[in-house]
Amino acid sequence: MMNHSLGPVGQDIQARLEAALSPDYLAVIDDSEKHRGHAGHDARGESHFTVEIVAAAFAGQSRVARQRAVNAALGDLLVERVHALAIKARAPGE
């Protein structure tokens, strides 16, 4: 399910989420170019992402619990490399 049009950070996000949450659907979208010149923009790129994820692990979980699960899977990337992450997390059938 690896999206090779993503750079190395995007591919790392995708791999970590696949390993941690076994999603039925996963889209990792690099929004960095939309933020060029804004606070948090990184000249290396790959600083702003949107994640759309559908996983059985989210069944019965609140929106906050789902976001925490995604953040936990990404760990150090959120501290060291990713400035902004928009998360759209659902359980199958939602």
PDB file of N, CA and C in Angstrom:
ATOM      1  N   MET A   1       0.823  -1.189   0.000  1.00  0.00           N
ATOM      2  CA  MET A   1       0.000   0.000   0.000  1.00  0.00           C
ATOM      3  C   MET A   1       0.876   1.264   0.000  1.00  0.00           C
ATOM      4  N   MET A   2       2.187   1.141  -0.160  1.00  0.00           N
ATOM      5  CA  MET A   2       3.108   2.268  -0.084  1.00  0.00           C
ATOM      6  C   MET A   2       2.908   3.219  -1.263  1.00  0.00           C
ATOM      7  N   ASN A   3       2.798   4.512  -0.959  1.00  0.00           N
ATOM      8  CA  ASN A   3       2.653   5.551  -1.967  1.00  0.00           C
ATOM      9  C   ASN A   3       4.038   6.097  -2.269  1.00  0.00           C
ATOM     10  N   HIS A   4       4.578   5.749  -3.419  1.00  0.00           N
ATOM     11  CA  HIS A   4       5.947   6.136  -3.748  1.00  0.00           C
ATOM     12  C   HIS A   4       6.046   7.560  -4.266  1.00  0.00           C
ATOM     13  N   SER A   5       4.920   8.260  -4.439  1.00  0.00           N
ATOM     14  CA  SER A   5       4.988   9.659  -4.820  1.00  0.00           C
ATOM     15  C   SER A   5       5.285  10.528  -3.602  1.00  0.00           C
ATOM     16  N   LEU A   6       5.189   9.951  -2.411  1.00  0.00           N
ATOM     17  CA  LEU A   6       5.553  10.663  -1.187  1.00  0.00           C
ATOM     18  C   LEU A   6       7.065  10.652  -1.026  1.00  0.00           C
ATOM     19  N   GLY A   7       7.568  11.650  -0.318  1.00  0.00           N
ATOM     20  CA  GLY A   7       8.981  11.672   0.028  1.00  0.00           C
ATOM     21  C   GLY A   7       9.246  10.736   1.189  1.00  0.00           C
ATOM     22  N   PRO A   8      10.477  10.714   1.692  1.00  0.00           N
ATOM     23  CA  PRO A   8      10.837   9.777   2.749  1.00  0.00           C
ATOM     24  C   PRO A   8      10.053   9.970   4.050  1.00  0.00           C
ATOM     25  N   VAL A   9       9.716  11.204   4.408  1.00  0.00           N
ATOM     26  CA  VAL A   9       8.959  11.419   5.650  1.00  0.00           C
ATOM     27  C   VAL A   9       7.532  10.896   5.478  1.00  0.00           C
ATOM     28  N   GLY A  10       6.916  11.204   4.346  1.00  0.00           N
ATOM     29  CA  GLY A  10       5.573  10.706   4.070  1.00  0.00           C
ATOM     30  C   GLY A  10       5.520   9.192   4.025  1.00  0.00           C
ATOM     31  N   GLN A  11       6.534   8.584   3.426  1.00  0.00           N
ATOM     32  CA  GLN A  11       6.590   7.127   3.367  1.00  0.00           C
ATOM     33  C   GLN A  11       6.776   6.535   4.763  1.00  0.00           C
ATOM     34  N   ASP A  12       7.548   7.219   5.607  1.00  0.00           N
ATOM     35  CA  ASP A  12       7.742   6.766   6.986  1.00  0.00           C
ATOM     36  C   ASP A  12       6.421   6.850   7.759  1.00  0.00           C
ATOM     37  N   ILE A  13       5.684   7.941   7.582  1.00  0.00           N
ATOM     38  CA  ILE A  13       4.368   8.074   8.219  1.00  0.00           C
ATOM     39  C   ILE A  13       3.481   6.906   7.799  1.00  0.00           C
ATOM     40  N   GLN A  14       3.430   6.650   6.507  1.00  0.00           N
ATOM     41  CA  GLN A  14       2.594   5.583   5.976  1.00  0.00           C
ATOM     42  C   GLN A  14       2.995   4.228   6.551  1.00  0.00           C
ATOM     43  N   ALA A  15       4.278   3.932   6.565  1.00  0.00           N
ATOM     44  CA  ALA A  15       4.760   2.640   7.067  1.00  0.00           C
ATOM     45  C   ALA A  15       4.450   2.469   8.556  1.00  0.00           C
ATOM     46  N   ARG A  16       4.645   3.515   9.338  1.00  0.00           N
ATOM     47  CA  ARG A  16       4.390   3.427  10.779  1.00  0.00           C
ATOM     48  C   ARG A  16       2.903   3.203  11.059  1.00  0.00           C
ATOM     49  N   LEU A  17       2.028   3.907  10.323  1.00  0.00           N
ATOM     50  CA  LEU A  17       0.593   3.746  10.551  1.00  0.00           C
ATOM     51  C   LEU A  17       0.114   2.367  10.107  1.00  0.00           C
ATOM     52  N   GLU A  18       0.652   1.868   8.997  1.00  0.00           N
ATOM     53  CA  GLU A  18       0.286   0.521   8.544  1.00  0.00           C
ATOM     54  C   GLU A  18       0.704  -0.518   9.583  1.00  0.00           C
ATOM     55  N   ALA A  19       1.904  -0.377  10.124  1.00  0.00           N
ATOM     56  CA  ALA A  19       2.407  -1.346  11.100  1.00  0.00           C
ATOM     57  C   ALA A  19       1.620  -1.286  12.411  1.00  0.00           C
ATOM     58  N   ALA A  20       1.282  -0.093  12.857  1.00  0.00           N
ATOM     59  CA  ALA A  20       0.649   0.064  14.171  1.00  0.00           C
ATOM     60  C   ALA A  20      -0.854  -0.182  14.150  1.00  0.00           C
ATOM     61  N   LEU A  21      -1.530   0.177  13.037  1.00  0.00           N
ATOM     62  CA  LEU A  21      -2.999   0.184  13.051  1.00  0.00           C
ATOM     63  C   LEU A  21      -3.650  -0.710  12.003  1.00  0.00           C
ATOM     64  N   SER A  22      -2.881  -1.322  11.129  1.00  0.00           N
ATOM     65  CA  SER A  22      -3.414  -2.205  10.077  1.00  0.00           C
ATOM     66  C   SER A  22      -4.679  -1.625   9.427  1.00  0.00           C
ATOM     67  N   PRO A  23      -4.572  -0.447   8.837  1.00  0.00           N
ATOM     68  CA  PRO A  23      -5.773   0.212   8.316  1.00  0.00           C
ATOM     69  C   PRO A  23      -6.378  -0.486   7.103  1.00  0.00           C
ATOM     70  N   ASP A  24      -7.711  -0.340   6.990  1.00  0.00           N
ATOM     71  CA  ASP A  24      -8.410  -0.780   5.788  1.00  0.00           C
ATOM     72  C   ASP A  24      -8.173   0.218   4.661  1.00  0.00           C
ATOM     73  N   TYR A  25      -7.995   1.469   5.035  1.00  0.00           N
ATOM     74  CA  TYR A  25      -7.740   2.543   4.067  1.00  0.00           C
ATOM     75  C   TYR A  25      -6.779   3.520   4.713  1.00  0.00           C
ATOM     76  N   LEU A  26      -5.809   4.004   3.937  1.00  0.00           N
ATOM     77  CA  LEU A  26      -4.864   4.991   4.441  1.00  0.00           C
ATOM     78  C   LEU A  26      -4.430   5.889   3.296  1.00  0.00           C
ATOM     79  N   ALA A  27      -4.574   7.191   3.512  1.00  0.00           N
ATOM     80  CA  ALA A  27      -4.055   8.181   2.562  1.00  0.00           C
ATOM     81  C   ALA A  27      -3.195   9.148   3.365  1.00  0.00           C
ATOM     82  N   VAL A  28      -1.960   9.322   2.932  1.00  0.00           N
ATOM     83  CA  VAL A  28      -1.057  10.299   3.526  1.00  0.00           C
ATOM     84  C   VAL A  28      -0.833  11.361   2.459  1.00  0.00           C
ATOM     85  N   ILE A  29      -1.225  12.595   2.782  1.00  0.00           N
ATOM     86  CA  ILE A  29      -1.178  13.688   1.810  1.00  0.00           C
ATOM     87  C   ILE A  29      -0.193  14.739   2.318  1.00  0.00           C
ATOM     88  N   ASP A  30       0.780  15.059   1.477  1.00  0.00           N
ATOM     89  CA  ASP A  30       1.782  16.069   1.821  1.00  0.00           C
ATOM     90  C   ASP A  30       1.215  17.443   1.446  1.00  0.00           C
ATOM     91  N   ASP A  31       0.892  18.237   2.450  1.00  0.00           N
ATOM     92  CA  ASP A  31       0.324  19.577   2.260  1.00  0.00           C
ATOM     93  C   ASP A  31       1.378  20.672   2.367  1.00  0.00           C
ATOM     94  N   SER A  32       2.635  20.324   2.406  1.00  0.00           N
ATOM     95  CA  SER A  32       3.699  21.276   2.717  1.00  0.00           C
ATOM     96  C   SER A  32       3.742  22.473   1.777  1.00  0.00           C
ATOM     97  N   GLU A  33       3.539  22.266   0.492  1.00  0.00           N
ATOM     98  CA  GLU A  33       3.621  23.376  -0.463  1.00  0.00           C
ATOM     99  C   GLU A  33       2.565  24.444  -0.196  1.00  0.00           C
ATOM    100  N   LYS A  34       1.430  24.055   0.369  1.00  0.00           N
ATOM    101  CA  LYS A  34       0.373  25.022   0.694  1.00  0.00           C
ATOM    102  C   LYS A  34       0.812  25.955   1.821  1.00  0.00           C
ATOM    103  N   HIS A  35       1.861  25.572   2.541  1.00  0.00           N
ATOM    104  CA  HIS A  35       2.295  26.326   3.713  1.00  0.00           C
ATOM    105  C   HIS A  35       3.631  27.033   3.521  1.00  0.00           C
ATOM    106  N   ARG A  36       4.101  27.097   2.282  1.00  0.00           N
ATOM    107  CA  ARG A  36       5.384  27.746   1.999  1.00  0.00           C
ATOM    108  C   ARG A  36       5.314  29.200   2.483  1.00  0.00           C
ATOM    109  N   GLY A  37       6.309  29.585   3.266  1.00  0.00           N
ATOM    110  CA  GLY A  37       6.375  30.946   3.783  1.00  0.00           C
ATOM    111  C   GLY A  37       5.620  31.158   5.087  1.00  0.00           C
ATOM    112  N   HIS A  38       4.871  30.168   5.527  1.00  0.00           N
ATOM    113  CA  HIS A  38       4.133  30.274   6.789  1.00  0.00           C
ATOM    114  C   HIS A  38       4.999  29.767   7.934  1.00  0.00           C
ATOM    115  N   ALA A  39       4.554  30.055   9.151  1.00  0.00           N
ATOM    116  CA  ALA A  39       5.255  29.553  10.337  1.00  0.00           C
ATOM    117  C   ALA A  39       5.300  28.030  10.290  1.00  0.00           C
ATOM    118  N   GLY A  40       6.441  27.477  10.619  1.00  0.00           N
ATOM    119  CA  GLY A  40       6.582  26.028  10.657  1.00  0.00           C
ATOM    120  C   GLY A  40       6.974  25.409   9.333  1.00  0.00           C
ATOM    121  N   HIS A  41       6.997  26.209   8.254  1.00  0.00           N
ATOM    122  CA  HIS A  41       7.408  25.641   6.968  1.00  0.00           C
ATOM    123  C   HIS A  41       8.880  25.268   7.043  1.00  0.00           C
ATOM    124  N   ASP A  42       9.198  24.122   6.533  1.00  0.00           N
ATOM    125  CA  ASP A  42      10.562  23.609   6.553  1.00  0.00           C
ATOM    126  C   ASP A  42      11.065  23.600   5.116  1.00  0.00           C
ATOM    127  N   ALA A  43      12.190  24.239   4.853  1.00  0.00           N
ATOM    128  CA  ALA A  43      12.731  24.312   3.498  1.00  0.00           C
ATOM    129  C   ALA A  43      12.996  22.932   2.906  1.00  0.00           C
ATOM    130  N   ARG A  44      13.171  21.914   3.760  1.00  0.00           N
ATOM    131  CA  ARG A  44      13.371  20.546   3.276  1.00  0.00           C
ATOM    132  C   ARG A  44      12.071  19.962   2.739  1.00  0.00           C
ATOM    133  N   GLY A  45      10.936  20.624   3.025  1.00  0.00           N
ATOM    134  CA  GLY A  45       9.633  20.090   2.625  1.00  0.00           C
ATOM    135  C   GLY A  45       9.153  19.063   3.626  1.00  0.00           C
ATOM    136  N   GLU A  46       8.050  18.439   3.315  1.00  0.00           N
ATOM    137  CA  GLU A  46       7.487  17.372   4.144  1.00  0.00           C
ATOM    138  C   GLU A  46       7.343  17.797   5.620  1.00  0.00           C
ATOM    139  N   SER A  47       6.685  18.921   5.831  1.00  0.00           N
ATOM    140  CA  SER A  47       6.488  19.413   7.192  1.00  0.00           C
ATOM    141  C   SER A  47       5.016  19.438   7.596  1.00  0.00           C
ATOM    142  N   HIS A  48       4.106  19.414   6.625  1.00  0.00           N
ATOM    143  CA  HIS A  48       2.669  19.492   6.877  1.00  0.00           C
ATOM    144  C   HIS A  48       1.975  18.336   6.146  1.00  0.00           C
ATOM    145  N   PHE A  49       1.169  17.566   6.874  1.00  0.00           N
ATOM    146  CA  PHE A  49       0.501  16.404   6.285  1.00  0.00           C
ATOM    147  C   PHE A  49      -0.952  16.313   6.726  1.00  0.00           C
ATOM    148  N   THR A  50      -1.734  15.659   5.890  1.00  0.00           N
ATOM    149  CA  THR A  50      -3.072  15.205   6.258  1.00  0.00           C
ATOM    150  C   THR A  50      -3.052  13.687   6.178  1.00  0.00           C
ATOM    151  N   VAL A  51      -3.623  13.039   7.189  1.00  0.00           N
ATOM    152  CA  VAL A  51      -3.753  11.587   7.207  1.00  0.00           C
ATOM    153  C   VAL A  51      -5.244  11.257   7.234  1.00  0.00           C
ATOM    154  N   GLU A  52      -5.678  10.469   6.279  1.00  0.00           N
ATOM    155  CA  GLU A  52      -7.034   9.925   6.270  1.00  0.00           C
ATOM    156  C   GLU A  52      -6.887   8.429   6.490  1.00  0.00           C
ATOM    157  N   ILE A  53      -7.491   7.932   7.570  1.00  0.00           N
ATOM    158  CA  ILE A  53      -7.277   6.536   7.942  1.00  0.00           C
ATOM    159  C   ILE A  53      -8.576   5.905   8.428  1.00  0.00           C
ATOM    160  N   VAL A  54      -8.821   4.686   7.957  1.00  0.00           N
ATOM    161  CA  VAL A  54      -9.960   3.887   8.413  1.00  0.00           C
ATOM    162  C   VAL A  54      -9.377   2.587   8.962  1.00  0.00           C
ATOM    163  N   ALA A  55      -9.641   2.330  10.249  1.00  0.00           N
ATOM    164  CA  ALA A  55      -9.068   1.137  10.883  1.00  0.00           C
ATOM    165  C   ALA A  55     -10.029   0.570  11.916  1.00  0.00           C
ATOM    166  N   ALA A  56     -10.093  -0.743  11.978  1.00  0.00           N
ATOM    167  CA  ALA A  56     -10.936  -1.419  12.963  1.00  0.00           C
ATOM    168  C   ALA A  56     -10.516  -1.046  14.386  1.00  0.00           C
ATOM    169  N   ALA A  57      -9.251  -0.716  14.573  1.00  0.00           N
ATOM    170  CA  ALA A  57      -8.757  -0.334  15.897  1.00  0.00           C
ATOM    171  C   ALA A  57      -9.484   0.882  16.459  1.00  0.00           C
ATOM    172  N   PHE A  58     -10.133   1.665  15.601  1.00  0.00           N
ATOM    173  CA  PHE A  58     -10.817   2.879  16.042  1.00  0.00           C
ATOM    174  C   PHE A  58     -12.258   2.634  16.485  1.00  0.00           C
ATOM    175  N   ALA A  59     -12.770   1.426  16.292  1.00  0.00           N
ATOM    176  CA  ALA A  59     -14.165   1.132  16.661  1.00  0.00           C
ATOM    177  C   ALA A  59     -14.381   1.419  18.145  1.00  0.00           C
ATOM    178  N   GLY A  60     -15.402   2.200  18.442  1.00  0.00           N
ATOM    179  CA  GLY A  60     -15.746   2.511  19.820  1.00  0.00           C
ATOM    180  C   GLY A  60     -14.865   3.558  20.479  1.00  0.00           C
ATOM    181  N   GLN A  61     -13.899   4.106  19.741  1.00  0.00           N
ATOM    182  CA  GLN A  61     -13.000   5.105  20.315  1.00  0.00           C
ATOM    183  C   GLN A  61     -13.494   6.513  20.004  1.00  0.00           C
ATOM    184  N   SER A  62     -13.220   7.449  20.909  1.00  0.00           N
ATOM    185  CA  SER A  62     -13.537   8.854  20.678  1.00  0.00           C
ATOM    186  C   SER A  62     -12.574   9.434  19.644  1.00  0.00           C
ATOM    187  N   ARG A  63     -12.910  10.604  19.150  1.00  0.00           N
ATOM    188  CA  ARG A  63     -12.044  11.296  18.194  1.00  0.00           C
ATOM    189  C   ARG A  63     -10.667  11.535  18.817  1.00  0.00           C
ATOM    190  N   VAL A  64     -10.643  11.942  20.070  1.00  0.00           N
ATOM    191  CA  VAL A  64      -9.376  12.218  20.754  1.00  0.00           C
ATOM    192  C   VAL A  64      -8.550  10.939  20.900  1.00  0.00           C
ATOM    193  N   ALA A  65      -9.177   9.828  21.258  1.00  0.00           N
ATOM    194  CA  ALA A  65      -8.453   8.559  21.398  1.00  0.00           C
ATOM    195  C   ALA A  65      -7.869   8.124  20.056  1.00  0.00           C
ATOM    196  N   ARG A  66      -8.612   8.346  18.990  1.00  0.00           N
ATOM    197  CA  ARG A  66      -8.108   7.995  17.652  1.00  0.00           C
ATOM    198  C   ARG A  66      -6.897   8.843  17.295  1.00  0.00           C
ATOM    199  N   GLN A  67      -6.972  10.140  17.577  1.00  0.00           N
ATOM    200  CA  GLN A  67      -5.839  11.017  17.279  1.00  0.00           C
ATOM    201  C   GLN A  67      -4.625  10.636  18.116  1.00  0.00           C
ATOM    202  N   ARG A  68      -4.855  10.265  19.355  1.00  0.00           N
ATOM    203  CA  ARG A  68      -3.746   9.834  20.210  1.00  0.00           C
ATOM    204  C   ARG A  68      -3.091   8.570  19.672  1.00  0.00           C
ATOM    205  N   ALA A  69      -3.888   7.650  19.145  1.00  0.00           N
ATOM    206  CA  ALA A  69      -3.335   6.411  18.583  1.00  0.00           C
ATOM    207  C   ALA A  69      -2.459   6.712  17.366  1.00  0.00           C
ATOM    208  N   VAL A  70      -2.915   7.630  16.515  1.00  0.00           N
ATOM    209  CA  VAL A  70      -2.118   8.027  15.351  1.00  0.00           C
ATOM    210  C   VAL A  70      -0.837   8.712  15.821  1.00  0.00           C
ATOM    211  N   ASN A  71      -0.957   9.650  16.751  1.00  0.00           N
ATOM    212  CA  ASN A  71       0.223  10.358  17.253  1.00  0.00           C
ATOM    213  C   ASN A  71       1.223   9.393  17.896  1.00  0.00           C
ATOM    214  N   ALA A  72       0.726   8.417  18.644  1.00  0.00           N
ATOM    215  CA  ALA A  72       1.614   7.437  19.280  1.00  0.00           C
ATOM    216  C   ALA A  72       2.372   6.620  18.229  1.00  0.00           C
ATOM    217  N   ALA A  73       1.692   6.263  17.145  1.00  0.00           N
ATOM    218  CA  ALA A  73       2.334   5.483  16.083  1.00  0.00           C
ATOM    219  C   ALA A  73       3.446   6.285  15.404  1.00  0.00           C
ATOM    220  N   LEU A  74       3.283   7.601  15.348  1.00  0.00           N
ATOM    221  CA  LEU A  74       4.259   8.447  14.651  1.00  0.00           C
ATOM    222  C   LEU A  74       5.380   8.919  15.562  1.00  0.00           C
ATOM    223  N   GLY A  75       5.125   8.941  16.855  1.00  0.00           N
ATOM    224  CA  GLY A  75       6.158   9.223  17.853  1.00  0.00           C
ATOM    225  C   GLY A  75       7.074  10.383  17.536  1.00  0.00           C
ATOM    226  N   ASP A  76       8.366  10.085  17.402  1.00  0.00           N
ATOM    227  CA  ASP A  76       9.404  11.093  17.248  1.00  0.00           C
ATOM    228  C   ASP A  76       9.266  11.930  15.985  1.00  0.00           C
ATOM    229  N   LEU A  77       8.583  11.426  14.958  1.00  0.00           N
ATOM    230  CA  LEU A  77       8.400  12.231  13.744  1.00  0.00           C
ATOM    231  C   LEU A  77       7.664  13.526  14.050  1.00  0.00           C
ATOM    232  N   LEU A  78       6.713  13.469  14.987  1.00  0.00           N
ATOM    233  CA  LEU A  78       5.929  14.653  15.316  1.00  0.00           C
ATOM    234  C   LEU A  78       6.743  15.676  16.102  1.00  0.00           C
ATOM    235  N   VAL A  79       7.786  15.217  16.742  1.00  0.00           N
ATOM    236  CA  VAL A  79       8.638  16.123  17.508  1.00  0.00           C
ATOM    237  C   VAL A  79       9.739  16.689  16.617  1.00  0.00           C
ATOM    238  N   GLU A  80      10.351  15.827  15.822  1.00  0.00           N
ATOM    239  CA  GLU A  80      11.573  16.189  15.107  1.00  0.00           C
ATOM    240  C   GLU A  80      11.350  16.673  13.680  1.00  0.00           C
ATOM    241  N   ARG A  81      10.258  16.279  13.033  1.00  0.00           N
ATOM    242  CA  ARG A  81      10.183  16.527  11.590  1.00  0.00           C
ATOM    243  C   ARG A  81       8.861  17.117  11.117  1.00  0.00           C
ATOM    244  N   VAL A  82       7.750  16.705  11.670  1.00  0.00           N
ATOM    245  CA  VAL A  82       6.437  17.127  11.170  1.00  0.00           C
ATOM    246  C   VAL A  82       5.923  18.282  12.027  1.00  0.00           C
ATOM    247  N   HIS A  83       5.625  19.396  11.368  1.00  0.00           N
ATOM    248  CA  HIS A  83       5.141  20.583  12.071  1.00  0.00           C
ATOM    249  C   HIS A  83       3.631  20.522  12.301  1.00  0.00           C
ATOM    250  N   ALA A  84       2.901  20.039  11.296  1.00  0.00           N
ATOM    251  CA  ALA A  84       1.435  20.017  11.398  1.00  0.00           C
ATOM    252  C   ALA A  84       0.896  18.721  10.799  1.00  0.00           C
ATOM    253  N   LEU A  85      -0.093  18.142  11.499  1.00  0.00           N
ATOM    254  CA  LEU A  85      -0.709  16.904  11.041  1.00  0.00           C
ATOM    255  C   LEU A  85      -2.213  17.006  11.249  1.00  0.00           C
ATOM    256  N   ALA A  86      -2.961  16.965  10.155  1.00  0.00           N
ATOM    257  CA  ALA A  86      -4.422  16.916  10.231  1.00  0.00           C
ATOM    258  C   ALA A  86      -4.816  15.437  10.152  1.00  0.00           C
ATOM    259  N   ILE A  87      -5.669  15.001  11.069  1.00  0.00           N
ATOM    260  CA  ILE A  87      -6.033  13.595  11.152  1.00  0.00           C
ATOM    261  C   ILE A  87      -7.523  13.427  10.936  1.00  0.00           C
ATOM    262  N   LYS A  88      -7.885  12.581   9.971  1.00  0.00           N
ATOM    263  CA  LYS A  88      -9.277  12.186   9.742  1.00  0.00           C
ATOM    264  C   LYS A  88      -9.325  10.685   9.959  1.00  0.00           C
ATOM    265  N   ALA A  89      -9.712  10.276  11.170  1.00  0.00           N
ATOM    266  CA  ALA A  89      -9.672   8.858  11.555  1.00  0.00           C
ATOM    267  C   ALA A  89     -11.078   8.341  11.769  1.00  0.00           C
ATOM    268  N   ARG A  90     -11.393   7.197  11.133  1.00  0.00           N
ATOM    269  CA  ARG A  90     -12.713   6.581  11.272  1.00  0.00           C
ATOM    270  C   ARG A  90     -12.557   5.081  11.436  1.00  0.00           C
ATOM    271  N   ALA A  91     -13.614   4.487  11.974  1.00  0.00           N
ATOM    272  CA  ALA A  91     -13.712   3.033  12.014  1.00  0.00           C
ATOM    273  C   ALA A  91     -14.442   2.599  10.743  1.00  0.00           C
ATOM    274  N   PRO A  92     -14.270   1.345  10.297  1.00  0.00           N
ATOM    275  CA  PRO A  92     -15.001   0.875   9.112  1.00  0.00           C
ATOM    276  C   PRO A  92     -16.508   1.075   9.288  1.00  0.00           C
ATOM    277  N   GLY A  93     -17.153   1.516   8.227  1.00  0.00           N
ATOM    278  CA  GLY A  93     -18.589   1.708   8.241  1.00  0.00           C
ATOM    279  C   GLY A  93     -19.042   3.083   8.720  1.00  0.00           C
ATOM    280  N   GLU A  94     -18.113   3.899   9.145  1.00  0.00           N
ATOM    281  CA  GLU A  94     -18.468   5.259   9.589  1.00  0.00           C
ATOM    282  C   GLU A  94     -18.438   6.230   8.433  1.00  0.00           C
TER     283      GLU A  94
END
